[in-house]
N, C-alpha and C. Protein backbone atom coordinates (compact mmCIF):
# COMPACT_ATOMS: atom_id res chain seq x y z
N MET A 1 -74.80 61.67 134.87
CA MET A 1 -73.93 60.49 134.82
C MET A 1 -74.46 59.41 135.77
N VAL A 2 -74.21 58.20 135.42
CA VAL A 2 -74.69 57.06 136.21
C VAL A 2 -73.89 56.95 137.51
N ASP A 3 -74.58 56.50 138.56
CA ASP A 3 -73.89 56.17 139.82
C ASP A 3 -73.22 54.81 139.58
N LEU A 4 -71.90 54.85 139.33
CA LEU A 4 -71.19 53.63 138.91
C LEU A 4 -71.21 52.55 139.99
N LYS A 5 -71.04 52.99 141.25
CA LYS A 5 -71.04 52.00 142.35
C LYS A 5 -72.40 51.30 142.45
N ALA A 6 -73.46 52.10 142.28
CA ALA A 6 -74.81 51.52 142.34
C ALA A 6 -75.02 50.54 141.19
N LEU A 7 -74.50 50.89 140.01
CA LEU A 7 -74.63 50.01 138.84
C LEU A 7 -73.88 48.70 139.07
N THR A 8 -72.66 48.81 139.60
CA THR A 8 -71.87 47.61 139.93
C THR A 8 -72.66 46.70 140.88
N ALA A 9 -73.27 47.33 141.90
CA ALA A 9 -74.04 46.55 142.88
C ALA A 9 -75.24 45.87 142.23
N LEU A 10 -75.91 46.59 141.32
CA LEU A 10 -77.09 46.01 140.64
C LEU A 10 -76.71 44.80 139.80
N ILE A 11 -75.56 44.90 139.13
CA ILE A 11 -75.08 43.74 138.35
C ILE A 11 -74.79 42.59 139.31
N GLY A 12 -74.12 42.92 140.41
CA GLY A 12 -73.78 41.91 141.43
C GLY A 12 -75.03 41.23 141.97
N GLU A 13 -76.12 41.98 142.03
CA GLU A 13 -77.39 41.43 142.55
C GLU A 13 -78.21 40.76 141.44
N LEU A 14 -77.70 40.82 140.21
CA LEU A 14 -78.38 40.23 139.04
C LEU A 14 -79.76 40.85 138.81
N ASP A 15 -79.88 42.14 139.08
CA ASP A 15 -81.16 42.83 138.92
C ASP A 15 -81.27 43.37 137.48
N GLU A 16 -81.62 42.47 136.57
CA GLU A 16 -81.59 42.81 135.14
C GLU A 16 -82.49 44.00 134.81
N GLU A 17 -83.68 43.99 135.37
CA GLU A 17 -84.64 45.05 135.05
C GLU A 17 -84.07 46.43 135.36
N LYS A 18 -83.53 46.56 136.58
CA LYS A 18 -82.99 47.87 136.98
C LYS A 18 -81.73 48.23 136.20
N VAL A 19 -80.88 47.24 135.95
CA VAL A 19 -79.64 47.49 135.19
C VAL A 19 -79.99 48.07 133.82
N LEU A 20 -80.91 47.43 133.11
CA LEU A 20 -81.24 47.87 131.75
C LEU A 20 -81.96 49.22 131.77
N GLU A 21 -82.73 49.45 132.83
CA GLU A 21 -83.40 50.75 133.01
C GLU A 21 -82.36 51.87 133.14
N VAL A 22 -81.37 51.62 134.01
CA VAL A 22 -80.29 52.60 134.23
C VAL A 22 -79.52 52.86 132.93
N LEU A 23 -79.22 51.77 132.22
CA LEU A 23 -78.40 51.91 131.00
C LEU A 23 -79.16 52.62 129.89
N LYS A 24 -80.46 52.33 129.77
CA LYS A 24 -81.26 53.01 128.72
C LYS A 24 -81.33 54.51 129.00
N SER A 25 -81.50 54.87 130.29
CA SER A 25 -81.53 56.30 130.65
C SER A 25 -80.19 56.94 130.34
N PHE A 26 -79.11 56.20 130.61
CA PHE A 26 -77.75 56.70 130.37
C PHE A 26 -77.53 56.95 128.88
N VAL A 27 -77.91 55.98 128.05
CA VAL A 27 -77.74 56.11 126.59
C VAL A 27 -78.53 57.32 126.06
N ALA A 28 -79.70 57.56 126.67
CA ALA A 28 -80.55 58.68 126.23
C ALA A 28 -79.90 60.05 126.48
N THR A 29 -78.91 60.09 127.38
CA THR A 29 -78.24 61.38 127.67
C THR A 29 -77.14 61.69 126.64
N ASN A 30 -76.98 60.79 125.66
CA ASN A 30 -75.95 60.96 124.62
C ASN A 30 -74.56 61.19 125.22
N PRO A 31 -74.08 60.22 126.03
CA PRO A 31 -72.81 60.39 126.74
C PRO A 31 -71.60 60.28 125.82
N SER A 32 -70.45 60.68 126.34
CA SER A 32 -69.21 60.54 125.57
C SER A 32 -68.75 59.08 125.60
N GLU A 33 -67.84 58.75 124.70
CA GLU A 33 -67.32 57.37 124.67
C GLU A 33 -66.61 57.07 125.99
N GLU A 34 -65.91 58.06 126.51
CA GLU A 34 -65.18 57.86 127.77
C GLU A 34 -66.14 57.51 128.91
N GLU A 35 -67.27 58.22 128.97
CA GLU A 35 -68.27 57.92 130.01
C GLU A 35 -68.83 56.52 129.80
N ALA A 36 -69.06 56.17 128.54
CA ALA A 36 -69.61 54.83 128.24
C ALA A 36 -68.64 53.74 128.67
N GLN A 37 -67.34 53.98 128.45
CA GLN A 37 -66.34 52.98 128.85
C GLN A 37 -66.31 52.82 130.38
N LYS A 38 -66.54 53.93 131.10
CA LYS A 38 -66.58 53.84 132.57
C LYS A 38 -67.76 52.99 133.02
N VAL A 39 -68.87 53.14 132.31
CA VAL A 39 -70.07 52.36 132.63
C VAL A 39 -69.81 50.87 132.34
N VAL A 40 -69.14 50.59 131.22
CA VAL A 40 -68.78 49.19 130.90
C VAL A 40 -67.89 48.62 132.01
N ALA A 41 -66.93 49.43 132.46
CA ALA A 41 -66.03 48.97 133.53
C ALA A 41 -66.81 48.69 134.81
N ALA A 42 -67.81 49.52 135.10
CA ALA A 42 -68.64 49.30 136.29
C ALA A 42 -69.42 47.99 136.17
N CYS A 43 -69.90 47.71 134.95
CA CYS A 43 -70.61 46.44 134.71
C CYS A 43 -69.66 45.25 134.93
N GLN A 44 -68.42 45.41 134.45
CA GLN A 44 -67.44 44.31 134.62
C GLN A 44 -67.11 44.11 136.10
N SER A 45 -67.06 45.21 136.85
CA SER A 45 -66.81 45.10 138.30
C SER A 45 -67.94 44.32 138.96
N GLY A 46 -69.16 44.54 138.44
CA GLY A 46 -70.30 43.78 138.96
C GLY A 46 -70.14 42.30 138.71
N MET A 47 -69.55 41.96 137.55
CA MET A 47 -69.31 40.55 137.24
C MET A 47 -68.30 39.94 138.21
N ALA A 48 -67.35 40.77 138.65
CA ALA A 48 -66.35 40.28 139.62
C ALA A 48 -67.06 39.91 140.93
N ILE A 49 -68.06 40.71 141.31
CA ILE A 49 -68.83 40.41 142.53
C ILE A 49 -69.56 39.08 142.35
N VAL A 50 -70.15 38.89 141.17
CA VAL A 50 -70.86 37.63 140.88
C VAL A 50 -69.89 36.45 141.04
N GLY A 51 -68.68 36.61 140.49
CA GLY A 51 -67.66 35.56 140.59
C GLY A 51 -67.30 35.24 142.03
N GLU A 52 -67.16 36.31 142.84
CA GLU A 52 -66.82 36.11 144.26
C GLU A 52 -67.94 35.37 144.99
N LEU A 53 -69.17 35.76 144.72
CA LEU A 53 -70.31 35.11 145.39
C LEU A 53 -70.44 33.65 144.96
N TYR A 54 -70.06 33.39 143.71
CA TYR A 54 -70.07 32.00 143.22
C TYR A 54 -69.03 31.18 143.98
N GLU A 55 -67.83 31.77 144.14
CA GLU A 55 -66.77 31.06 144.85
C GLU A 55 -67.14 30.79 146.31
N LYS A 56 -67.91 31.70 146.89
CA LYS A 56 -68.34 31.52 148.29
C LYS A 56 -69.50 30.54 148.41
N GLY A 57 -70.04 30.13 147.27
CA GLY A 57 -71.16 29.18 147.31
C GLY A 57 -72.52 29.85 147.44
N GLU A 58 -72.54 31.18 147.33
CA GLU A 58 -73.83 31.89 147.43
C GLU A 58 -74.55 31.94 146.09
N TYR A 59 -73.78 31.88 145.00
CA TYR A 59 -74.36 31.82 143.67
C TYR A 59 -73.99 30.47 143.06
N PHE A 60 -74.77 30.05 142.08
CA PHE A 60 -74.55 28.75 141.44
C PHE A 60 -74.30 28.92 139.94
N VAL A 61 -74.07 27.81 139.26
CA VAL A 61 -73.72 27.88 137.83
C VAL A 61 -74.81 28.64 137.05
N GLY A 62 -76.06 28.37 137.39
CA GLY A 62 -77.17 29.05 136.71
C GLY A 62 -77.07 30.57 136.85
N ASP A 63 -76.63 31.01 138.04
CA ASP A 63 -76.46 32.45 138.26
C ASP A 63 -75.35 33.01 137.39
N LEU A 64 -74.27 32.22 137.24
CA LEU A 64 -73.16 32.66 136.39
C LEU A 64 -73.61 32.81 134.94
N ILE A 65 -74.38 31.84 134.48
CA ILE A 65 -74.87 31.89 133.10
C ILE A 65 -75.79 33.10 132.92
N PHE A 66 -76.67 33.31 133.91
CA PHE A 66 -77.58 34.46 133.83
C PHE A 66 -76.79 35.76 133.83
N ALA A 67 -75.75 35.81 134.67
CA ALA A 67 -74.92 37.02 134.74
C ALA A 67 -74.26 37.31 133.40
N GLY A 68 -73.80 36.25 132.73
CA GLY A 68 -73.19 36.41 131.40
C GLY A 68 -74.18 36.98 130.40
N GLU A 69 -75.42 36.46 130.46
CA GLU A 69 -76.46 36.96 129.55
C GLU A 69 -76.81 38.41 129.88
N LEU A 70 -76.87 38.69 131.18
CA LEU A 70 -77.18 40.05 131.62
C LEU A 70 -76.12 41.02 131.10
N LEU A 71 -74.86 40.60 131.19
CA LEU A 71 -73.80 41.50 130.74
C LEU A 71 -73.84 41.70 129.23
N THR A 72 -74.13 40.63 128.51
CA THR A 72 -74.25 40.75 127.05
C THR A 72 -75.36 41.74 126.69
N ASN A 73 -76.49 41.63 127.40
CA ASN A 73 -77.61 42.57 127.16
C ASN A 73 -77.19 44.00 127.50
N ALA A 74 -76.42 44.12 128.58
CA ALA A 74 -75.95 45.45 129.01
C ALA A 74 -75.06 46.07 127.93
N ILE A 75 -74.11 45.29 127.43
CA ILE A 75 -73.19 45.80 126.40
C ILE A 75 -73.96 46.14 125.13
N ASN A 76 -74.93 45.28 124.78
CA ASN A 76 -75.74 45.55 123.58
C ASN A 76 -76.52 46.86 123.73
N THR A 77 -77.01 47.11 124.94
CA THR A 77 -77.74 48.36 125.21
C THR A 77 -76.80 49.56 125.04
N LEU A 78 -75.54 49.36 125.43
CA LEU A 78 -74.57 50.46 125.36
C LEU A 78 -73.93 50.63 123.98
N LYS A 79 -74.11 49.65 123.12
CA LYS A 79 -73.42 49.70 121.80
C LYS A 79 -73.55 51.04 121.08
N PRO A 80 -74.75 51.66 121.08
CA PRO A 80 -74.86 52.92 120.33
C PRO A 80 -73.94 54.03 120.83
N VAL A 81 -73.50 53.93 122.11
CA VAL A 81 -72.67 55.02 122.65
C VAL A 81 -71.24 54.59 122.94
N LEU A 82 -70.88 53.40 122.45
CA LEU A 82 -69.50 52.97 122.70
C LEU A 82 -68.53 53.61 121.71
N GLY A 83 -69.00 54.64 121.04
CA GLY A 83 -68.10 55.51 120.27
C GLY A 83 -67.53 54.89 119.03
N THR A 84 -68.17 53.85 118.53
CA THR A 84 -67.60 53.22 117.34
C THR A 84 -68.66 53.16 116.26
N ASP A 85 -68.20 53.26 115.06
CA ASP A 85 -69.11 53.16 113.93
C ASP A 85 -69.19 51.69 113.54
N SER A 86 -70.25 51.04 114.00
CA SER A 86 -70.30 49.59 113.80
C SER A 86 -70.49 49.22 112.33
N SER A 87 -70.80 50.21 111.49
CA SER A 87 -70.92 49.88 110.08
C SER A 87 -69.53 49.73 109.44
N ALA A 88 -68.52 50.26 110.13
CA ALA A 88 -67.15 50.15 109.59
C ALA A 88 -66.53 48.86 110.10
N ASN A 89 -66.46 47.87 109.24
CA ASN A 89 -65.84 46.61 109.62
C ASN A 89 -64.32 46.79 109.64
N VAL A 90 -63.74 46.68 110.82
CA VAL A 90 -62.29 46.94 110.93
C VAL A 90 -61.45 45.69 110.74
N GLY A 91 -62.11 44.54 110.68
CA GLY A 91 -61.36 43.29 110.55
C GLY A 91 -62.11 42.20 111.28
N SER A 92 -61.59 40.99 111.22
CA SER A 92 -62.30 39.89 111.89
C SER A 92 -61.42 39.23 112.94
N ILE A 93 -62.09 38.60 113.89
CA ILE A 93 -61.42 37.90 114.99
C ILE A 93 -62.04 36.51 115.09
N VAL A 94 -61.19 35.49 115.16
CA VAL A 94 -61.67 34.14 115.45
C VAL A 94 -61.50 33.94 116.95
N LEU A 95 -62.58 33.55 117.61
CA LEU A 95 -62.60 33.51 119.08
C LEU A 95 -63.12 32.18 119.58
N GLY A 96 -62.55 31.69 120.65
CA GLY A 96 -63.09 30.46 121.23
C GLY A 96 -62.48 30.17 122.59
N THR A 97 -63.21 29.37 123.36
CA THR A 97 -62.67 28.83 124.61
C THR A 97 -61.96 27.53 124.25
N VAL A 98 -60.74 27.36 124.73
CA VAL A 98 -59.90 26.24 124.28
C VAL A 98 -60.37 24.89 124.83
N ALA A 99 -59.80 23.83 124.25
CA ALA A 99 -60.18 22.46 124.61
C ALA A 99 -60.07 22.23 126.11
N GLY A 100 -61.06 21.55 126.65
CA GLY A 100 -61.04 21.18 128.06
C GLY A 100 -61.64 22.23 128.98
N ASP A 101 -62.02 23.38 128.43
CA ASP A 101 -62.57 24.45 129.27
C ASP A 101 -63.96 24.81 128.77
N LEU A 102 -64.90 24.94 129.71
CA LEU A 102 -66.30 25.17 129.33
C LEU A 102 -66.78 26.57 129.72
N HIS A 103 -65.86 27.44 130.12
CA HIS A 103 -66.27 28.78 130.55
C HIS A 103 -66.41 29.72 129.36
N ASP A 104 -67.44 30.54 129.39
CA ASP A 104 -67.57 31.45 128.24
C ASP A 104 -68.01 32.87 128.60
N ILE A 105 -68.11 33.18 129.89
CA ILE A 105 -68.58 34.54 130.24
C ILE A 105 -67.60 35.59 129.73
N GLY A 106 -66.31 35.40 130.05
CA GLY A 106 -65.30 36.37 129.62
C GLY A 106 -65.24 36.48 128.10
N LYS A 107 -65.32 35.31 127.46
CA LYS A 107 -65.28 35.27 125.98
C LYS A 107 -66.47 36.05 125.40
N ASN A 108 -67.64 35.85 126.00
CA ASN A 108 -68.84 36.51 125.47
C ASN A 108 -68.78 38.04 125.66
N ILE A 109 -68.21 38.46 126.78
CA ILE A 109 -68.07 39.91 127.02
C ILE A 109 -67.13 40.48 125.95
N PHE A 110 -66.01 39.80 125.74
CA PHE A 110 -65.03 40.25 124.75
C PHE A 110 -65.67 40.30 123.36
N LYS A 111 -66.48 39.27 123.06
CA LYS A 111 -67.15 39.22 121.76
C LYS A 111 -68.06 40.44 121.58
N SER A 112 -68.89 40.70 122.58
CA SER A 112 -69.84 41.84 122.49
C SER A 112 -69.10 43.15 122.30
N MET A 113 -68.01 43.32 123.06
CA MET A 113 -67.28 44.59 123.00
C MET A 113 -66.51 44.72 121.68
N SER A 114 -66.01 43.59 121.16
CA SER A 114 -65.29 43.61 119.87
C SER A 114 -66.26 43.98 118.74
N GLU A 115 -67.47 43.39 118.81
CA GLU A 115 -68.47 43.70 117.77
C GLU A 115 -68.87 45.17 117.86
N ALA A 116 -68.97 45.69 119.09
CA ALA A 116 -69.31 47.11 119.27
C ALA A 116 -68.22 47.99 118.66
N ALA A 117 -66.99 47.46 118.66
CA ALA A 117 -65.86 48.23 118.11
C ALA A 117 -65.70 48.05 116.59
N GLY A 118 -66.63 47.29 115.98
CA GLY A 118 -66.61 47.16 114.53
C GLY A 118 -65.95 45.90 113.98
N PHE A 119 -65.51 45.00 114.87
CA PHE A 119 -64.94 43.74 114.39
C PHE A 119 -66.05 42.75 114.04
N VAL A 120 -65.76 41.90 113.08
CA VAL A 120 -66.63 40.75 112.83
C VAL A 120 -66.03 39.60 113.64
N VAL A 121 -66.82 39.03 114.54
CA VAL A 121 -66.28 37.98 115.42
C VAL A 121 -66.88 36.63 115.06
N TYR A 122 -65.99 35.68 114.80
CA TYR A 122 -66.41 34.30 114.54
C TYR A 122 -66.19 33.52 115.84
N ASP A 123 -67.28 33.28 116.55
CA ASP A 123 -67.19 32.64 117.86
C ASP A 123 -67.34 31.14 117.71
N LEU A 124 -66.27 30.41 117.99
CA LEU A 124 -66.29 28.95 117.83
C LEU A 124 -67.06 28.27 118.96
N GLY A 125 -67.15 28.96 120.12
CA GLY A 125 -67.82 28.34 121.27
C GLY A 125 -66.81 27.85 122.30
N ILE A 126 -67.25 26.89 123.13
CA ILE A 126 -66.40 26.39 124.22
C ILE A 126 -65.77 25.05 123.86
N ASP A 127 -64.71 24.69 124.61
CA ASP A 127 -64.08 23.37 124.49
C ASP A 127 -63.66 23.06 123.05
N GLN A 128 -62.95 24.02 122.45
CA GLN A 128 -62.61 23.90 121.02
C GLN A 128 -61.18 23.39 120.81
N PRO A 129 -61.02 22.32 120.04
CA PRO A 129 -59.68 21.80 119.76
C PRO A 129 -58.91 22.73 118.82
N ALA A 130 -57.62 22.53 118.76
CA ALA A 130 -56.76 23.35 117.89
C ALA A 130 -57.24 23.30 116.44
N SER A 131 -57.72 22.13 116.02
CA SER A 131 -58.14 21.96 114.62
C SER A 131 -59.28 22.92 114.26
N ALA A 132 -60.15 23.21 115.22
CA ALA A 132 -61.28 24.11 114.95
C ALA A 132 -60.77 25.53 114.68
N PHE A 133 -59.77 25.93 115.46
CA PHE A 133 -59.19 27.26 115.24
C PHE A 133 -58.51 27.32 113.86
N ILE A 134 -57.77 26.26 113.53
CA ILE A 134 -57.04 26.22 112.26
C ILE A 134 -58.00 26.32 111.07
N GLU A 135 -59.06 25.52 111.12
CA GLU A 135 -60.03 25.53 110.00
C GLU A 135 -60.61 26.92 109.80
N LYS A 136 -60.98 27.56 110.92
CA LYS A 136 -61.63 28.88 110.82
C LYS A 136 -60.64 29.94 110.34
N VAL A 137 -59.39 29.86 110.82
CA VAL A 137 -58.38 30.84 110.39
C VAL A 137 -58.15 30.71 108.88
N LYS A 138 -58.08 29.49 108.41
CA LYS A 138 -57.90 29.27 106.95
C LYS A 138 -59.07 29.86 106.18
N GLU A 139 -60.26 29.69 106.74
CA GLU A 139 -61.47 30.10 106.03
C GLU A 139 -61.64 31.62 105.98
N VAL A 140 -61.45 32.30 107.15
CA VAL A 140 -61.81 33.73 107.20
C VAL A 140 -60.62 34.69 107.22
N LYS A 141 -59.39 34.13 107.39
CA LYS A 141 -58.17 34.97 107.42
C LYS A 141 -58.34 36.19 108.34
N PRO A 142 -58.47 35.93 109.65
CA PRO A 142 -58.74 37.03 110.59
C PRO A 142 -57.50 37.87 110.90
N VAL A 143 -57.75 39.01 111.50
CA VAL A 143 -56.66 39.86 112.01
C VAL A 143 -56.05 39.18 113.24
N ALA A 144 -56.94 38.62 114.06
CA ALA A 144 -56.48 38.07 115.35
C ALA A 144 -57.24 36.80 115.70
N VAL A 145 -56.59 36.00 116.54
CA VAL A 145 -57.23 34.83 117.13
C VAL A 145 -57.28 35.07 118.64
N GLY A 146 -58.48 34.97 119.20
CA GLY A 146 -58.64 35.15 120.65
C GLY A 146 -58.92 33.81 121.29
N MET A 147 -58.10 33.45 122.30
CA MET A 147 -58.32 32.19 123.00
C MET A 147 -58.61 32.48 124.46
N SER A 148 -59.67 31.87 124.95
CA SER A 148 -60.11 32.13 126.32
C SER A 148 -60.04 30.85 127.14
N GLY A 149 -59.78 31.02 128.43
CA GLY A 149 -59.79 29.88 129.33
C GLY A 149 -59.73 30.34 130.77
N VAL A 150 -60.40 29.61 131.64
CA VAL A 150 -60.42 29.97 133.06
C VAL A 150 -59.64 28.95 133.89
N LEU A 151 -59.61 27.72 133.41
CA LEU A 151 -58.91 26.67 134.16
C LEU A 151 -57.41 26.71 133.84
N THR A 152 -56.61 26.26 134.78
CA THR A 152 -55.16 26.26 134.58
C THR A 152 -54.78 25.37 133.39
N LEU A 153 -55.52 24.28 133.22
CA LEU A 153 -55.20 23.36 132.11
C LEU A 153 -55.43 24.03 130.75
N ALA A 154 -56.19 25.15 130.75
CA ALA A 154 -56.43 25.85 129.48
C ALA A 154 -55.13 26.39 128.90
N LEU A 155 -54.16 26.69 129.77
CA LEU A 155 -52.88 27.25 129.28
C LEU A 155 -52.19 26.25 128.36
N GLU A 156 -52.26 24.99 128.74
CA GLU A 156 -51.64 23.94 127.91
C GLU A 156 -52.35 23.84 126.56
N ALA A 157 -53.69 23.92 126.62
CA ALA A 157 -54.48 23.83 125.38
C ALA A 157 -54.19 25.04 124.48
N MET A 158 -53.97 26.21 125.10
CA MET A 158 -53.62 27.41 124.32
C MET A 158 -52.29 27.21 123.61
N LYS A 159 -51.32 26.65 124.35
CA LYS A 159 -49.99 26.41 123.75
C LYS A 159 -50.11 25.41 122.59
N ASP A 160 -50.89 24.36 122.80
CA ASP A 160 -51.10 23.36 121.74
C ASP A 160 -51.69 24.01 120.49
N THR A 161 -52.62 24.94 120.72
CA THR A 161 -53.29 25.61 119.59
C THR A 161 -52.31 26.51 118.84
N VAL A 162 -51.50 27.25 119.59
CA VAL A 162 -50.49 28.12 118.94
C VAL A 162 -49.51 27.26 118.15
N ASP A 163 -49.06 26.17 118.76
CA ASP A 163 -48.12 25.27 118.07
C ASP A 163 -48.75 24.71 116.79
N ALA A 164 -50.03 24.36 116.88
CA ALA A 164 -50.73 23.80 115.71
C ALA A 164 -50.85 24.85 114.60
N LEU A 165 -51.08 26.11 114.98
CA LEU A 165 -51.15 27.19 113.98
C LEU A 165 -49.79 27.36 113.29
N LYS A 166 -48.71 27.21 114.10
CA LYS A 166 -47.35 27.30 113.51
C LYS A 166 -47.15 26.18 112.49
N GLU A 167 -47.51 24.96 112.91
CA GLU A 167 -47.33 23.79 112.03
C GLU A 167 -48.13 23.94 110.74
N ALA A 168 -49.28 24.59 110.86
CA ALA A 168 -50.14 24.76 109.67
C ALA A 168 -49.68 25.93 108.81
N GLY A 169 -48.62 26.62 109.28
CA GLY A 169 -48.08 27.74 108.51
C GLY A 169 -48.93 29.00 108.60
N LEU A 170 -49.76 29.07 109.66
CA LEU A 170 -50.69 30.20 109.77
C LEU A 170 -50.28 31.22 110.83
N ARG A 171 -49.28 30.86 111.64
CA ARG A 171 -48.97 31.70 112.80
C ARG A 171 -48.54 33.11 112.42
N ASP A 172 -47.76 33.23 111.34
CA ASP A 172 -47.24 34.56 110.97
C ASP A 172 -48.30 35.50 110.43
N SER A 173 -49.42 34.94 110.00
CA SER A 173 -50.44 35.79 109.37
C SER A 173 -51.47 36.33 110.36
N VAL A 174 -51.44 35.85 111.61
CA VAL A 174 -52.42 36.34 112.60
C VAL A 174 -51.73 36.71 113.91
N LYS A 175 -52.37 37.63 114.61
CA LYS A 175 -51.95 37.96 115.98
C LYS A 175 -52.78 37.08 116.91
N ILE A 176 -52.18 36.73 118.05
CA ILE A 176 -52.90 35.87 118.99
C ILE A 176 -53.00 36.57 120.35
N ILE A 177 -54.23 36.67 120.85
CA ILE A 177 -54.45 37.24 122.19
C ILE A 177 -55.12 36.17 123.04
N ILE A 178 -54.64 36.03 124.27
CA ILE A 178 -55.22 35.04 125.18
C ILE A 178 -55.81 35.77 126.38
N GLY A 179 -56.85 35.19 126.94
CA GLY A 179 -57.50 35.85 128.08
C GLY A 179 -58.08 34.84 129.05
N GLY A 180 -58.20 35.27 130.30
CA GLY A 180 -58.78 34.41 131.33
C GLY A 180 -58.00 34.49 132.62
N ASN A 181 -58.56 33.95 133.67
CA ASN A 181 -57.96 34.07 135.00
C ASN A 181 -56.51 33.61 135.12
N PRO A 182 -56.14 32.45 134.55
CA PRO A 182 -54.78 31.96 134.79
C PRO A 182 -53.72 32.62 133.92
N VAL A 183 -54.13 33.54 133.06
CA VAL A 183 -53.21 34.10 132.07
C VAL A 183 -52.32 35.18 132.69
N THR A 184 -51.02 35.04 132.49
CA THR A 184 -50.04 36.01 133.01
C THR A 184 -49.05 36.33 131.89
N LYS A 185 -48.19 37.29 132.16
CA LYS A 185 -47.16 37.65 131.17
C LYS A 185 -46.28 36.44 130.86
N GLU A 186 -45.89 35.72 131.93
CA GLU A 186 -45.03 34.53 131.75
C GLU A 186 -45.74 33.48 130.91
N ALA A 187 -47.03 33.25 131.24
CA ALA A 187 -47.81 32.25 130.49
C ALA A 187 -47.92 32.65 129.03
N CYS A 188 -48.11 33.93 128.80
CA CYS A 188 -48.25 34.45 127.43
C CYS A 188 -46.97 34.15 126.64
N GLU A 189 -45.81 34.36 127.28
CA GLU A 189 -44.52 34.11 126.61
C GLU A 189 -44.34 32.62 126.33
N GLN A 190 -44.68 31.78 127.33
CA GLN A 190 -44.51 30.33 127.15
C GLN A 190 -45.43 29.80 126.05
N ILE A 191 -46.65 30.33 126.01
CA ILE A 191 -47.63 29.87 125.03
C ILE A 191 -47.25 30.34 123.63
N GLY A 192 -46.59 31.51 123.56
CA GLY A 192 -46.19 32.05 122.26
C GLY A 192 -47.25 32.97 121.67
N ALA A 193 -48.08 33.55 122.57
CA ALA A 193 -49.12 34.50 122.10
C ALA A 193 -48.50 35.89 121.98
N ASP A 194 -49.19 36.79 121.28
CA ASP A 194 -48.71 38.16 121.12
C ASP A 194 -49.11 39.06 122.27
N ALA A 195 -50.24 38.74 122.90
CA ALA A 195 -50.73 39.59 123.98
C ALA A 195 -51.65 38.78 124.89
N PHE A 196 -51.83 39.29 126.11
CA PHE A 196 -52.76 38.65 127.03
C PHE A 196 -53.54 39.73 127.75
N THR A 197 -54.70 39.36 128.25
CA THR A 197 -55.49 40.32 129.02
C THR A 197 -56.47 39.58 129.91
N THR A 198 -56.83 40.23 131.01
CA THR A 198 -57.91 39.69 131.84
C THR A 198 -59.06 40.69 131.84
N ASN A 199 -58.98 41.67 130.94
CA ASN A 199 -59.98 42.73 130.87
C ASN A 199 -60.45 42.87 129.42
N ALA A 200 -61.74 42.65 129.20
CA ALA A 200 -62.25 42.63 127.83
C ALA A 200 -62.02 43.95 127.10
N ALA A 201 -62.23 45.06 127.79
CA ALA A 201 -62.07 46.37 127.13
C ALA A 201 -60.62 46.57 126.68
N GLU A 202 -59.69 46.15 127.54
CA GLU A 202 -58.26 46.26 127.20
C GLU A 202 -57.95 45.35 126.00
N GLY A 203 -58.55 44.16 126.00
CA GLY A 203 -58.33 43.22 124.91
C GLY A 203 -58.77 43.79 123.57
N VAL A 204 -59.91 44.49 123.58
CA VAL A 204 -60.40 45.11 122.34
C VAL A 204 -59.42 46.19 121.88
N LYS A 205 -58.91 46.97 122.83
CA LYS A 205 -57.95 48.04 122.48
C LYS A 205 -56.70 47.45 121.82
N ILE A 206 -56.24 46.33 122.38
CA ILE A 206 -55.06 45.65 121.82
C ILE A 206 -55.33 45.25 120.37
N CYS A 207 -56.50 44.65 120.14
CA CYS A 207 -56.85 44.21 118.77
C CYS A 207 -56.99 45.41 117.83
N GLN A 208 -57.53 46.51 118.35
CA GLN A 208 -57.65 47.72 117.53
C GLN A 208 -56.26 48.22 117.12
N GLY A 209 -55.31 48.09 118.05
CA GLY A 209 -53.94 48.51 117.75
C GLY A 209 -53.32 47.69 116.63
N TRP A 210 -53.76 46.45 116.47
CA TRP A 210 -53.21 45.57 115.44
C TRP A 210 -53.75 45.90 114.04
N VAL A 211 -54.85 46.60 113.96
CA VAL A 211 -55.40 46.88 112.62
C VAL A 211 -55.10 48.30 112.14
N LYS A 212 -54.47 49.09 113.00
CA LYS A 212 -54.19 50.47 112.60
C LYS A 212 -52.97 50.53 111.72
């Protein structure tokens, strides 16, 4: 089994070469899904370290972007052992960072993990207006809509998007999950979403629950 604390530290140090080396060795041991999820959690803990160092001014935006790419590569390396049959399409998710917010690390982690779980993910990108979500929902008829945001103002944009989906008559046909730092139970209720999460793995589990 992988030394989870060491793996978390390696992600925190942005040591891509060693991280991928550790993960490839781990995958070669044919681990259980539960072990794989623990490794994913350790990688996410490493991202928390990156976030803290960024807030302290020790890391910069470029480091955050690199960390996001590193994590995507890590999840992709783990995909074969994340215990899901990726050939079984379980449904689709429309995903995006809402208007006014340019953060996408959390969104990208959620996307990678959702795809590993067999979802088809339509990623709209960052700073997406309500109209972009509406167009895509009409087009692909997803199981769920995922909205991401890190800034407090994102909560307002999330509410606007939910309201716009209601006005377009689409709200009843999809579940809505919101994610990001400012998201709380109270915010979720005010926005009118079905669920919220600050943890990508938990978010995927919630979406899986909606298709069963």
